[in-house]
Amino acid sequence: MLVAQLLKGKKLVSANMYVQKNNPIKKKQKGGGTRKTCLPASKLRNMSDKKRKSLAAAKSKAGKAGKYKRPSSTNVKGARKKGATLRDWFKKEDWRQVGNPKKKCGEK
């Protein structure tokens, strides 16, 4: 009897090793579904209305399509100050929604 027949639902790689089919860890990320995009308030003040609307539209379009991320072409440059650590950036900034800057990030 072959070893492959004993390993039901698994793919034989070598005599001593096997890899699971349908491994949940290796699945591709699906579905962001969110419509909100958040940026620091200081960056939002410096953005034009046109740029702000295109960014919000790209995020909602990606969410409706069930994609995890919006396109990289809509990435924002210069939102973080030089030398700031990522932790400082997230904690110290006043995060606002791009679609409605009067609302804080996470507000409904």
PDB file of N, CA and C in Angstrom:
ATOM      1  N   MET A   1       0.837  -1.179   0.000  1.00  0.00           N
ATOM      2  CA  MET A   1       0.000   0.000   0.000  1.00  0.00           C
ATOM      3  C   MET A   1       0.889   1.251   0.000  1.00  0.00           C
ATOM      4  N   LEU A   2       0.537   2.241  -0.772  1.00  0.00           N
ATOM      5  CA  LEU A   2       1.334   3.455  -0.848  1.00  0.00           C
ATOM      6  C   LEU A   2       1.050   4.377   0.336  1.00  0.00           C
ATOM      7  N   VAL A   3       2.071   5.143   0.694  1.00  0.00           N
ATOM      8  CA  VAL A   3       1.932   6.103   1.791  1.00  0.00           C
ATOM      9  C   VAL A   3       0.922   7.175   1.420  1.00  0.00           C
ATOM     10  N   ALA A   4       0.874   7.561   0.136  1.00  0.00           N
ATOM     11  CA  ALA A   4      -0.042   8.605  -0.323  1.00  0.00           C
ATOM     12  C   ALA A   4      -1.498   8.213  -0.107  1.00  0.00           C
ATOM     13  N   GLN A   5      -1.805   6.926  -0.200  1.00  0.00           N
ATOM     14  CA  GLN A   5      -3.176   6.484   0.020  1.00  0.00           C
ATOM     15  C   GLN A   5      -3.568   6.615   1.483  1.00  0.00           C
ATOM     16  N   LEU A   6      -2.598   6.490   2.375  1.00  0.00           N
ATOM     17  CA  LEU A   6      -2.888   6.599   3.802  1.00  0.00           C
ATOM     18  C   LEU A   6      -3.132   8.055   4.228  1.00  0.00           C
ATOM     19  N   LEU A   7      -2.505   8.981   3.542  1.00  0.00           N
ATOM     20  CA  LEU A   7      -2.635  10.398   3.888  1.00  0.00           C
ATOM     21  C   LEU A   7      -3.796  11.026   3.128  1.00  0.00           C
ATOM     22  N   LYS A   8      -4.982  10.672   3.528  1.00  0.00           N
ATOM     23  CA  LYS A   8      -6.179  11.166   2.851  1.00  0.00           C
ATOM     24  C   LYS A   8      -6.319  12.681   3.049  1.00  0.00           C
ATOM     25  N   GLY A   9      -6.526  13.427   1.952  1.00  0.00           N
ATOM     26  CA  GLY A   9      -6.687  14.871   2.015  1.00  0.00           C
ATOM     27  C   GLY A   9      -5.374  15.620   2.105  1.00  0.00           C
ATOM     28  N   LYS A  10      -4.274  14.918   1.921  1.00  0.00           N
ATOM     29  CA  LYS A  10      -2.969  15.560   2.000  1.00  0.00           C
ATOM     30  C   LYS A  10      -2.160  15.189   0.776  1.00  0.00           C
ATOM     31  N   LYS A  11      -1.238  16.033   0.397  1.00  0.00           N
ATOM     32  CA  LYS A  11      -0.436  15.815  -0.791  1.00  0.00           C
ATOM     33  C   LYS A  11       0.957  15.363  -0.363  1.00  0.00           C
ATOM     34  N   LEU A  12       1.456  14.315  -0.964  1.00  0.00           N
ATOM     35  CA  LEU A  12       2.762  13.779  -0.615  1.00  0.00           C
ATOM     36  C   LEU A  12       3.854  14.606  -1.266  1.00  0.00           C
ATOM     37  N   VAL A  13       4.810  15.059  -0.462  1.00  0.00           N
ATOM     38  CA  VAL A  13       5.933  15.840  -0.968  1.00  0.00           C
ATOM     39  C   VAL A  13       7.170  14.964  -1.033  1.00  0.00           C
ATOM     40  N   SER A  14       7.478  14.258   0.021  1.00  0.00           N
ATOM     41  CA  SER A  14       8.577  13.292   0.044  1.00  0.00           C
ATOM     42  C   SER A  14       8.158  12.148   0.949  1.00  0.00           C
ATOM     43  N   ALA A  15       9.030  11.216   1.169  1.00  0.00           N
ATOM     44  CA  ALA A  15       8.688  10.044   1.979  1.00  0.00           C
ATOM     45  C   ALA A  15       8.372  10.433   3.420  1.00  0.00           C
ATOM     46  N   ASN A  16       8.986  11.503   3.921  1.00  0.00           N
ATOM     47  CA  ASN A  16       8.819  11.878   5.323  1.00  0.00           C
ATOM     48  C   ASN A  16       7.972  13.129   5.541  1.00  0.00           C
ATOM     49  N   MET A  17       7.621  13.841   4.473  1.00  0.00           N
ATOM     50  CA  MET A  17       6.959  15.133   4.622  1.00  0.00           C
ATOM     51  C   MET A  17       5.680  15.201   3.795  1.00  0.00           C
ATOM     52  N   TYR A  18       4.697  15.929   4.262  1.00  0.00           N
ATOM     53  CA  TYR A  18       3.486  16.180   3.488  1.00  0.00           C
ATOM     54  C   TYR A  18       2.986  17.591   3.747  1.00  0.00           C
ATOM     55  N   VAL A  19       2.211  18.103   2.797  1.00  0.00           N
ATOM     56  CA  VAL A  19       1.620  19.430   2.913  1.00  0.00           C
ATOM     57  C   VAL A  19       0.121  19.279   2.789  1.00  0.00           C
ATOM     58  N   GLN A  20      -0.609  19.960   3.668  1.00  0.00           N
ATOM     59  CA  GLN A  20      -2.065  19.888   3.622  1.00  0.00           C
ATOM     60  C   GLN A  20      -2.603  20.610   2.404  1.00  0.00           C
ATOM     61  N   LYS A  21      -3.639  20.026   1.798  1.00  0.00           N
ATOM     62  CA  LYS A  21      -4.414  20.767   0.806  1.00  0.00           C
ATOM     63  C   LYS A  21      -5.339  21.685   1.600  1.00  0.00           C
ATOM     64  N   ASN A  22      -5.752  22.773   1.020  1.00  0.00           N
ATOM     65  CA  ASN A  22      -6.685  23.708   1.666  1.00  0.00           C
ATOM     66  C   ASN A  22      -6.173  24.200   3.020  1.00  0.00           C
ATOM     67  N   ASN A  23      -4.900  24.524   3.091  1.00  0.00           N
ATOM     68  CA  ASN A  23      -4.317  25.019   4.322  1.00  0.00           C
ATOM     69  C   ASN A  23      -4.875  26.422   4.608  1.00  0.00           C
ATOM     70  N   PRO A  24      -5.554  26.632   5.753  1.00  0.00           N
ATOM     71  CA  PRO A  24      -6.173  27.929   6.029  1.00  0.00           C
ATOM     72  C   PRO A  24      -5.158  29.059   6.193  1.00  0.00           C
ATOM     73  N   ILE A  25      -3.941  28.743   6.571  1.00  0.00           N
ATOM     74  CA  ILE A  25      -2.928  29.773   6.767  1.00  0.00           C
ATOM     75  C   ILE A  25      -2.470  30.340   5.426  1.00  0.00           C
ATOM     76  N   LYS A  26      -2.450  29.530   4.398  1.00  0.00           N
ATOM     77  CA  LYS A  26      -1.951  29.964   3.102  1.00  0.00           C
ATOM     78  C   LYS A  26      -3.022  30.585   2.216  1.00  0.00           C
ATOM     79  N   LYS A  27      -4.258  30.701   2.707  1.00  0.00           N
ATOM     80  CA  LYS A  27      -5.322  31.289   1.897  1.00  0.00           C
ATOM     81  C   LYS A  27      -5.077  32.775   1.702  1.00  0.00           C
ATOM     82  N   LYS A  28      -5.513  33.282   0.576  1.00  0.00           N
ATOM     83  CA  LYS A  28      -5.361  34.700   0.281  1.00  0.00           C
ATOM     84  C   LYS A  28      -6.387  35.495   1.083  1.00  0.00           C
ATOM     85  N   GLN A  29      -5.985  36.645   1.548  1.00  0.00           N
ATOM     86  CA  GLN A  29      -6.875  37.512   2.325  1.00  0.00           C
ATOM     87  C   GLN A  29      -8.023  37.996   1.446  1.00  0.00           C
ATOM     88  N   LYS A  30      -9.246  37.969   1.984  1.00  0.00           N
ATOM     89  CA  LYS A  30     -10.406  38.398   1.212  1.00  0.00           C
ATOM     90  C   LYS A  30     -11.185  39.461   1.958  1.00  0.00           C
ATOM     91  N   GLY A  31     -11.819  40.303   1.200  1.00  0.00           N
ATOM     92  CA  GLY A  31     -12.878  41.180   1.662  1.00  0.00           C
ATOM     93  C   GLY A  31     -12.577  42.197   2.734  1.00  0.00           C
ATOM     94  N   GLY A  32     -12.209  43.410   2.398  1.00  0.00           N
ATOM     95  CA  GLY A  32     -12.115  44.470   3.399  1.00  0.00           C
ATOM     96  C   GLY A  32     -13.516  44.943   3.738  1.00  0.00           C
ATOM     97  N   GLY A  33     -14.283  45.306   2.722  1.00  0.00           N
ATOM     98  CA  GLY A  33     -15.682  45.675   2.884  1.00  0.00           C
ATOM     99  C   GLY A  33     -15.917  47.024   3.542  1.00  0.00           C
ATOM    100  N   THR A  34     -14.881  47.669   4.042  1.00  0.00           N
ATOM    101  CA  THR A  34     -15.069  48.940   4.725  1.00  0.00           C
ATOM    102  C   THR A  34     -15.119  50.094   3.727  1.00  0.00           C
ATOM    103  N   ARG A  35     -15.790  51.166   4.106  1.00  0.00           N
ATOM    104  CA  ARG A  35     -15.904  52.321   3.228  1.00  0.00           C
ATOM    105  C   ARG A  35     -15.100  53.497   3.766  1.00  0.00           C
ATOM    106  N   LYS A  36     -14.571  53.379   4.986  1.00  0.00           N
ATOM    107  CA  LYS A  36     -13.894  54.506   5.615  1.00  0.00           C
ATOM    108  C   LYS A  36     -12.394  54.444   5.388  1.00  0.00           C
ATOM    109  N   THR A  37     -11.815  55.583   5.089  1.00  0.00           N
ATOM    110  CA  THR A  37     -10.371  55.724   4.986  1.00  0.00           C
ATOM    111  C   THR A  37      -9.977  56.798   5.981  1.00  0.00           C
ATOM    112  N   CYS A  38      -8.964  56.526   6.762  1.00  0.00           N
ATOM    113  CA  CYS A  38      -8.540  57.496   7.775  1.00  0.00           C
ATOM    114  C   CYS A  38      -7.122  57.973   7.521  1.00  0.00           C
ATOM    115  N   LEU A  39      -6.905  59.252   7.783  1.00  0.00           N
ATOM    116  CA  LEU A  39      -5.586  59.883   7.668  1.00  0.00           C
ATOM    117  C   LEU A  39      -5.446  60.905   8.790  1.00  0.00           C
ATOM    118  N   PRO A  40      -4.217  61.295   9.094  1.00  0.00           N
ATOM    119  CA  PRO A  40      -4.039  62.350  10.095  1.00  0.00           C
ATOM    120  C   PRO A  40      -4.694  63.659   9.638  1.00  0.00           C
ATOM    121  N   ALA A  41      -5.263  64.377  10.591  1.00  0.00           N
ATOM    122  CA  ALA A  41      -5.980  65.624  10.279  1.00  0.00           C
ATOM    123  C   ALA A  41      -5.073  66.647   9.604  1.00  0.00           C
ATOM    124  N   SER A  42      -3.811  66.693  10.008  1.00  0.00           N
ATOM    125  CA  SER A  42      -2.883  67.661   9.407  1.00  0.00           C
ATOM    126  C   SER A  42      -2.681  67.374   7.921  1.00  0.00           C
ATOM    127  N   LYS A  43      -2.650  66.110   7.558  1.00  0.00           N
ATOM    128  CA  LYS A  43      -2.501  65.744   6.144  1.00  0.00           C
ATOM    129  C   LYS A  43      -3.779  66.072   5.370  1.00  0.00           C
ATOM    130  N   LEU A  44      -4.923  65.817   5.971  1.00  0.00           N
ATOM    131  CA  LEU A  44      -6.202  66.094   5.305  1.00  0.00           C
ATOM    132  C   LEU A  44      -6.374  67.577   5.005  1.00  0.00           C
ATOM    133  N   ARG A  45      -5.901  68.426   5.918  1.00  0.00           N
ATOM    134  CA  ARG A  45      -6.016  69.871   5.702  1.00  0.00           C
ATOM    135  C   ARG A  45      -5.231  70.323   4.477  1.00  0.00           C
ATOM    136  N   ASN A  46      -4.121  69.636   4.198  1.00  0.00           N
ATOM    137  CA  ASN A  46      -3.263  70.016   3.074  1.00  0.00           C
ATOM    138  C   ASN A  46      -3.680  69.388   1.748  1.00  0.00           C
ATOM    139  N   MET A  47      -4.624  68.454   1.770  1.00  0.00           N
ATOM    140  CA  MET A  47      -5.054  67.782   0.545  1.00  0.00           C
ATOM    141  C   MET A  47      -6.151  68.580  -0.151  1.00  0.00           C
ATOM    142  N   SER A  48      -6.162  68.516  -1.473  1.00  0.00           N
ATOM    143  CA  SER A  48      -7.237  69.170  -2.218  1.00  0.00           C
ATOM    144  C   SER A  48      -8.505  68.331  -2.125  1.00  0.00           C
ATOM    145  N   ASP A  49      -9.649  68.961  -2.387  1.00  0.00           N
ATOM    146  CA  ASP A  49     -10.923  68.241  -2.350  1.00  0.00           C
ATOM    147  C   ASP A  49     -10.946  67.120  -3.380  1.00  0.00           C
ATOM    148  N   LYS A  50     -10.374  67.387  -4.544  1.00  0.00           N
ATOM    149  CA  LYS A  50     -10.361  66.396  -5.613  1.00  0.00           C
ATOM    150  C   LYS A  50      -9.587  65.147  -5.183  1.00  0.00           C
ATOM    151  N   LYS A  51      -8.425  65.343  -4.576  1.00  0.00           N
ATOM    152  CA  LYS A  51      -7.577  64.233  -4.127  1.00  0.00           C
ATOM    153  C   LYS A  51      -8.268  63.457  -3.013  1.00  0.00           C
ATOM    154  N   ARG A  52      -8.920  64.195  -2.108  1.00  0.00           N
ATOM    155  CA  ARG A  52      -9.622  63.570  -0.991  1.00  0.00           C
ATOM    156  C   ARG A  52     -10.778  62.695  -1.486  1.00  0.00           C
ATOM    157  N   LYS A  53     -11.538  63.212  -2.459  1.00  0.00           N
ATOM    158  CA  LYS A  53     -12.667  62.458  -3.009  1.00  0.00           C
ATOM    159  C   LYS A  53     -12.207  61.222  -3.771  1.00  0.00           C
ATOM    160  N   SER A  54     -11.112  61.337  -4.510  1.00  0.00           N
ATOM    161  CA  SER A  54     -10.612  60.180  -5.273  1.00  0.00           C
ATOM    162  C   SER A  54     -10.118  59.090  -4.331  1.00  0.00           C
ATOM    163  N   LEU A  55      -9.514  59.476  -3.211  1.00  0.00           N
ATOM    164  CA  LEU A  55      -9.039  58.512  -2.225  1.00  0.00           C
ATOM    165  C   LEU A  55     -10.206  57.776  -1.569  1.00  0.00           C
ATOM    166  N   ALA A  56     -11.251  58.522  -1.179  1.00  0.00           N
ATOM    167  CA  ALA A  56     -12.431  57.918  -0.557  1.00  0.00           C
ATOM    168  C   ALA A  56     -13.156  57.005  -1.551  1.00  0.00           C
ATOM    169  N   ALA A  57     -13.227  57.422  -2.817  1.00  0.00           N
ATOM    170  CA  ALA A  57     -13.897  56.611  -3.843  1.00  0.00           C
ATOM    171  C   ALA A  57     -13.141  55.309  -4.104  1.00  0.00           C
ATOM    172  N   ALA A  58     -11.818  55.374  -4.105  1.00  0.00           N
ATOM    173  CA  ALA A  58     -11.009  54.176  -4.333  1.00  0.00           C
ATOM    174  C   ALA A  58     -11.203  53.167  -3.209  1.00  0.00           C
ATOM    175  N   LYS A  59     -11.289  53.662  -1.974  1.00  0.00           N
ATOM    176  CA  LYS A  59     -11.475  52.779  -0.821  1.00  0.00           C
ATOM    177  C   LYS A  59     -12.852  52.123  -0.855  1.00  0.00           C
ATOM    178  N   SER A  60     -13.891  52.892  -1.151  1.00  0.00           N
ATOM    179  CA  SER A  60     -15.237  52.317  -1.164  1.00  0.00           C
ATOM    180  C   SER A  60     -15.406  51.353  -2.343  1.00  0.00           C
ATOM    181  N   LYS A  61     -14.769  51.655  -3.461  1.00  0.00           N
ATOM    182  CA  LYS A  61     -14.841  50.759  -4.617  1.00  0.00           C
ATOM    183  C   LYS A  61     -14.182  49.420  -4.309  1.00  0.00           C
ATOM    184  N   ALA A  62     -13.031  49.456  -3.644  1.00  0.00           N
ATOM    185  CA  ALA A  62     -12.329  48.223  -3.266  1.00  0.00           C
ATOM    186  C   ALA A  62     -13.165  47.431  -2.263  1.00  0.00           C
ATOM    187  N   GLY A  63     -13.805  48.134  -1.326  1.00  0.00           N
ATOM    188  CA  GLY A  63     -14.640  47.464  -0.331  1.00  0.00           C
ATOM    189  C   GLY A  63     -15.843  46.786  -0.952  1.00  0.00           C
ATOM    190  N   LYS A  64     -16.480  47.461  -1.908  1.00  0.00           N
ATOM    191  CA  LYS A  64     -17.643  46.880  -2.578  1.00  0.00           C
ATOM    192  C   LYS A  64     -17.268  45.661  -3.413  1.00  0.00           C
ATOM    193  N   ALA A  65     -16.045  45.681  -3.961  1.00  0.00           N
ATOM    194  CA  ALA A  65     -15.582  44.561  -4.784  1.00  0.00           C
ATOM    195  C   ALA A  65     -15.103  43.394  -3.925  1.00  0.00           C
ATOM    196  N   GLY A  66     -15.074  43.580  -2.604  1.00  0.00           N
ATOM    197  CA  GLY A  66     -14.642  42.522  -1.709  1.00  0.00           C
ATOM    198  C   GLY A  66     -13.132  42.376  -1.643  1.00  0.00           C
ATOM    199  N   LYS A  67     -12.417  43.409  -2.032  1.00  0.00           N
ATOM    200  CA  LYS A  67     -10.960  43.353  -1.988  1.00  0.00           C
ATOM    201  C   LYS A  67     -10.471  43.812  -0.626  1.00  0.00           C
ATOM    202  N   TYR A  68      -9.292  43.350  -0.268  1.00  0.00           N
ATOM    203  CA  TYR A  68      -8.727  43.659   1.040  1.00  0.00           C
ATOM    204  C   TYR A  68      -8.124  45.057   1.077  1.00  0.00           C
ATOM    205  N   LYS A  69      -7.513  45.488  -0.030  1.00  0.00           N
ATOM    206  CA  LYS A  69      -6.836  46.783  -0.068  1.00  0.00           C
ATOM    207  C   LYS A  69      -7.304  47.607  -1.258  1.00  0.00           C
ATOM    208  N   ARG A  70      -7.143  48.910  -1.137  1.00  0.00           N
ATOM    209  CA  ARG A  70      -7.372  49.779  -2.286  1.00  0.00           C
ATOM    210  C   ARG A  70      -6.109  49.771  -3.138  1.00  0.00           C
ATOM    211  N   PRO A  71      -6.191  50.228  -4.378  1.00  0.00           N
ATOM    212  CA  PRO A  71      -5.006  50.196  -5.253  1.00  0.00           C
ATOM    213  C   PRO A  71      -3.846  51.034  -4.713  1.00  0.00           C
ATOM    214  N   SER A  72      -2.634  50.586  -4.960  1.00  0.00           N
ATOM    215  CA  SER A  72      -1.463  51.300  -4.454  1.00  0.00           C
ATOM    216  C   SER A  72      -1.275  52.648  -5.141  1.00  0.00           C
ATOM    217  N   SER A  73      -1.926  52.843  -6.267  1.00  0.00           N
ATOM    218  CA  SER A  73      -1.821  54.136  -6.955  1.00  0.00           C
ATOM    219  C   SER A  73      -2.465  55.259  -6.143  1.00  0.00           C
ATOM    220  N   THR A  74      -3.303  54.914  -5.168  1.00  0.00           N
ATOM    221  CA  THR A  74      -3.948  55.929  -4.326  1.00  0.00           C
ATOM    222  C   THR A  74      -3.208  56.128  -3.003  1.00  0.00           C
ATOM    223  N   ASN A  75      -2.005  55.565  -2.870  1.00  0.00           N
ATOM    224  CA  ASN A  75      -1.226  55.757  -1.645  1.00  0.00           C
ATOM    225  C   ASN A  75      -0.909  57.235  -1.436  1.00  0.00           C
ATOM    226  N   VAL A  76      -0.858  57.639  -0.177  1.00  0.00           N
ATOM    227  CA  VAL A  76      -0.621  59.035   0.171  1.00  0.00           C
ATOM    228  C   VAL A  76       0.821  59.189   0.638  1.00  0.00           C
ATOM    229  N   LYS A  77       1.513  60.158   0.097  1.00  0.00           N
ATOM    230  CA  LYS A  77       2.906  60.402   0.480  1.00  0.00           C
ATOM    231  C   LYS A  77       2.963  61.578   1.460  1.00  0.00           C
ATOM    232  N   GLY A  78       3.899  61.513   2.377  1.00  0.00           N
ATOM    233  CA  GLY A  78       4.128  62.618   3.306  1.00  0.00           C
ATOM    234  C   GLY A  78       3.143  62.702   4.453  1.00  0.00           C
ATOM    235  N   ALA A  79       2.485  61.614   4.802  1.00  0.00           N
ATOM    236  CA  ALA A  79       1.531  61.648   5.906  1.00  0.00           C
ATOM    237  C   ALA A  79       2.238  61.529   7.254  1.00  0.00           C
ATOM    238  N   ARG A  80       3.420  60.943   7.256  1.00  0.00           N
ATOM    239  CA  ARG A  80       4.160  60.752   8.507  1.00  0.00           C
ATOM    240  C   ARG A  80       5.397  61.635   8.516  1.00  0.00           C
ATOM    241  N   LYS A  81       5.670  62.258   9.645  1.00  0.00           N
ATOM    242  CA  LYS A  81       6.843  63.121   9.769  1.00  0.00           C
ATOM    243  C   LYS A  81       8.114  62.277   9.752  1.00  0.00           C
ATOM    244  N   LYS A  82       9.164  62.816   9.200  1.00  0.00           N
ATOM    245  CA  LYS A  82      10.441  62.109   9.135  1.00  0.00           C
ATOM    246  C   LYS A  82      10.953  61.848  10.545  1.00  0.00           C
ATOM    247  N   GLY A  83      11.437  60.637  10.764  1.00  0.00           N
ATOM    248  CA  GLY A  83      12.005  60.278  12.060  1.00  0.00           C
ATOM    249  C   GLY A  83      10.994  59.774  13.069  1.00  0.00           C
ATOM    250  N   ALA A  84       9.706  59.883  12.780  1.00  0.00           N
ATOM    251  CA  ALA A  84       8.681  59.410  13.716  1.00  0.00           C
ATOM    252  C   ALA A  84       8.566  57.895  13.614  1.00  0.00           C
ATOM    253  N   THR A  85       8.471  57.241  14.764  1.00  0.00           N
ATOM    254  CA  THR A  85       8.276  55.794  14.752  1.00  0.00           C
ATOM    255  C   THR A  85       6.823  55.508  14.413  1.00  0.00           C
ATOM    256  N   LEU A  86       6.577  54.304  13.987  1.00  0.00           N
ATOM    257  CA  LEU A  86       5.220  53.927  13.607  1.00  0.00           C
ATOM    258  C   LEU A  86       4.270  54.025  14.800  1.00  0.00           C
ATOM    259  N   ARG A  87       4.739  53.625  15.969  1.00  0.00           N
ATOM    260  CA  ARG A  87       3.912  53.682  17.183  1.00  0.00           C
ATOM    261  C   ARG A  87       3.531  55.129  17.500  1.00  0.00           C
ATOM    262  N   ASP A  88       4.509  56.035  17.433  1.00  0.00           N
ATOM    263  CA  ASP A  88       4.226  57.449  17.687  1.00  0.00           C
ATOM    264  C   ASP A  88       3.215  57.985  16.693  1.00  0.00           C
ATOM    265  N   TRP A  89       3.403  57.591  15.448  1.00  0.00           N
ATOM    266  CA  TRP A  89       2.532  58.073  14.383  1.00  0.00           C
ATOM    267  C   TRP A  89       1.086  57.699  14.654  1.00  0.00           C
ATOM    268  N   PHE A  90       0.839  56.476  15.082  1.00  0.00           N
ATOM    269  CA  PHE A  90      -0.531  56.031  15.331  1.00  0.00           C
ATOM    270  C   PHE A  90      -1.114  56.632  16.594  1.00  0.00           C
ATOM    271  N   LYS A  91      -0.316  56.782  17.631  1.00  0.00           N
ATOM    272  CA  LYS A  91      -0.844  57.261  18.908  1.00  0.00           C
ATOM    273  C   LYS A  91      -1.002  58.772  18.980  1.00  0.00           C
ATOM    274  N   LYS A  92      -0.050  59.514  18.424  1.00  0.00           N
ATOM    275  CA  LYS A  92      -0.028  60.962  18.628  1.00  0.00           C
ATOM    276  C   LYS A  92      -0.825  61.761  17.609  1.00  0.00           C
ATOM    277  N   GLU A  93      -1.123  61.169  16.471  1.00  0.00           N
ATOM    278  CA  GLU A  93      -1.855  61.910  15.434  1.00  0.00           C
ATOM    279  C   GLU A  93      -3.352  61.947  15.716  1.00  0.00           C
ATOM    280  N   ASP A  94      -4.001  62.966  15.205  1.00  0.00           N
ATOM    281  CA  ASP A  94      -5.456  63.094  15.278  1.00  0.00           C
ATOM    282  C   ASP A  94      -6.015  62.494  13.989  1.00  0.00           C
ATOM    283  N   TRP A  95      -6.475  61.254  14.047  1.00  0.00           N
ATOM    284  CA  TRP A  95      -6.932  60.533  12.852  1.00  0.00           C
ATOM    285  C   TRP A  95      -8.367  60.913  12.523  1.00  0.00           C
ATOM    286  N   ARG A  96      -8.612  61.249  11.256  1.00  0.00           N
ATOM    287  CA  ARG A  96      -9.928  61.663  10.779  1.00  0.00           C
ATOM    288  C   ARG A  96     -10.319  60.873   9.542  1.00  0.00           C
ATOM    289  N   GLN A  97     -11.629  60.794   9.296  1.00  0.00           N
ATOM    290  CA  GLN A  97     -12.131  60.124   8.098  1.00  0.00           C
ATOM    291  C   GLN A  97     -11.919  61.023   6.889  1.00  0.00           C
ATOM    292  N   VAL A  98     -11.471  60.433   5.787  1.00  0.00           N
ATOM    293  CA  VAL A  98     -11.222  61.201   4.571  1.00  0.00           C
ATOM    294  C   VAL A  98     -12.540  61.699   3.982  1.00  0.00           C
ATOM    295  N   GLY A  99     -13.561  60.870   4.007  1.00  0.00           N
ATOM    296  CA  GLY A  99     -14.863  61.250   3.453  1.00  0.00           C
ATOM    297  C   GLY A  99     -15.537  62.371   4.217  1.00  0.00           C
ATOM    298  N   ASN A 100     -15.356  62.388   5.554  1.00  0.00           N
ATOM    299  CA  ASN A 100     -15.953  63.419   6.387  1.00  0.00           C
ATOM    300  C   ASN A 100     -14.949  63.767   7.497  1.00  0.00           C
ATOM    301  N   PRO A 101     -14.077  64.753   7.264  1.00  0.00           N
ATOM    302  CA  PRO A 101     -13.027  65.073   8.229  1.00  0.00           C
ATOM    303  C   PRO A 101     -13.523  65.555   9.594  1.00  0.00           C
ATOM    304  N   LYS A 102     -14.798  65.890   9.722  1.00  0.00           N
ATOM    305  CA  LYS A 102     -15.326  66.297  11.015  1.00  0.00           C
ATOM    306  C   LYS A 102     -15.424  65.114  11.970  1.00  0.00           C
ATOM    307  N   LYS A 103     -15.511  63.899  11.413  1.00  0.00           N
ATOM    308  CA  LYS A 103     -15.638  62.689  12.243  1.00  0.00           C
ATOM    309  C   LYS A 103     -14.272  62.063  12.485  1.00  0.00           C
ATOM    310  N   LYS A 104     -14.085  61.563  13.718  1.00  0.00           N
ATOM    311  CA  LYS A 104     -12.857  60.846  14.041  1.00  0.00           C
ATOM    312  C   LYS A 104     -12.886  59.467  13.385  1.00  0.00           C
ATOM    313  N   CYS A 105     -11.713  58.872  13.267  1.00  0.00           N
ATOM    314  CA  CYS A 105     -11.631  57.546  12.664  1.00  0.00           C
ATOM    315  C   CYS A 105     -12.360  56.530  13.562  1.00  0.00           C
ATOM    316  N   GLY A 106     -13.234  55.736  12.994  1.00  0.00           N
ATOM    317  CA  GLY A 106     -14.006  54.754  13.744  1.00  0.00           C
ATOM    318  C   GLY A 106     -15.387  55.223  14.144  1.00  0.00           C
ATOM    319  N   GLU A 107     -15.646  56.511  14.053  1.00  0.00           N
ATOM    320  CA  GLU A 107     -16.970  57.044  14.378  1.00  0.00           C
ATOM    321  C   GLU A 107     -17.959  56.678  13.277  1.00  0.00           C
ATOM    322  N   LYS A 108     -19.232  56.521  13.660  1.00  0.00           N
ATOM    323  CA  LYS A 108     -20.258  56.202  12.659  1.00  0.00           C
ATOM    324  C   LYS A 108     -20.954  57.452  12.208  1.00  0.00           C
TER     325      LYS A 108
END
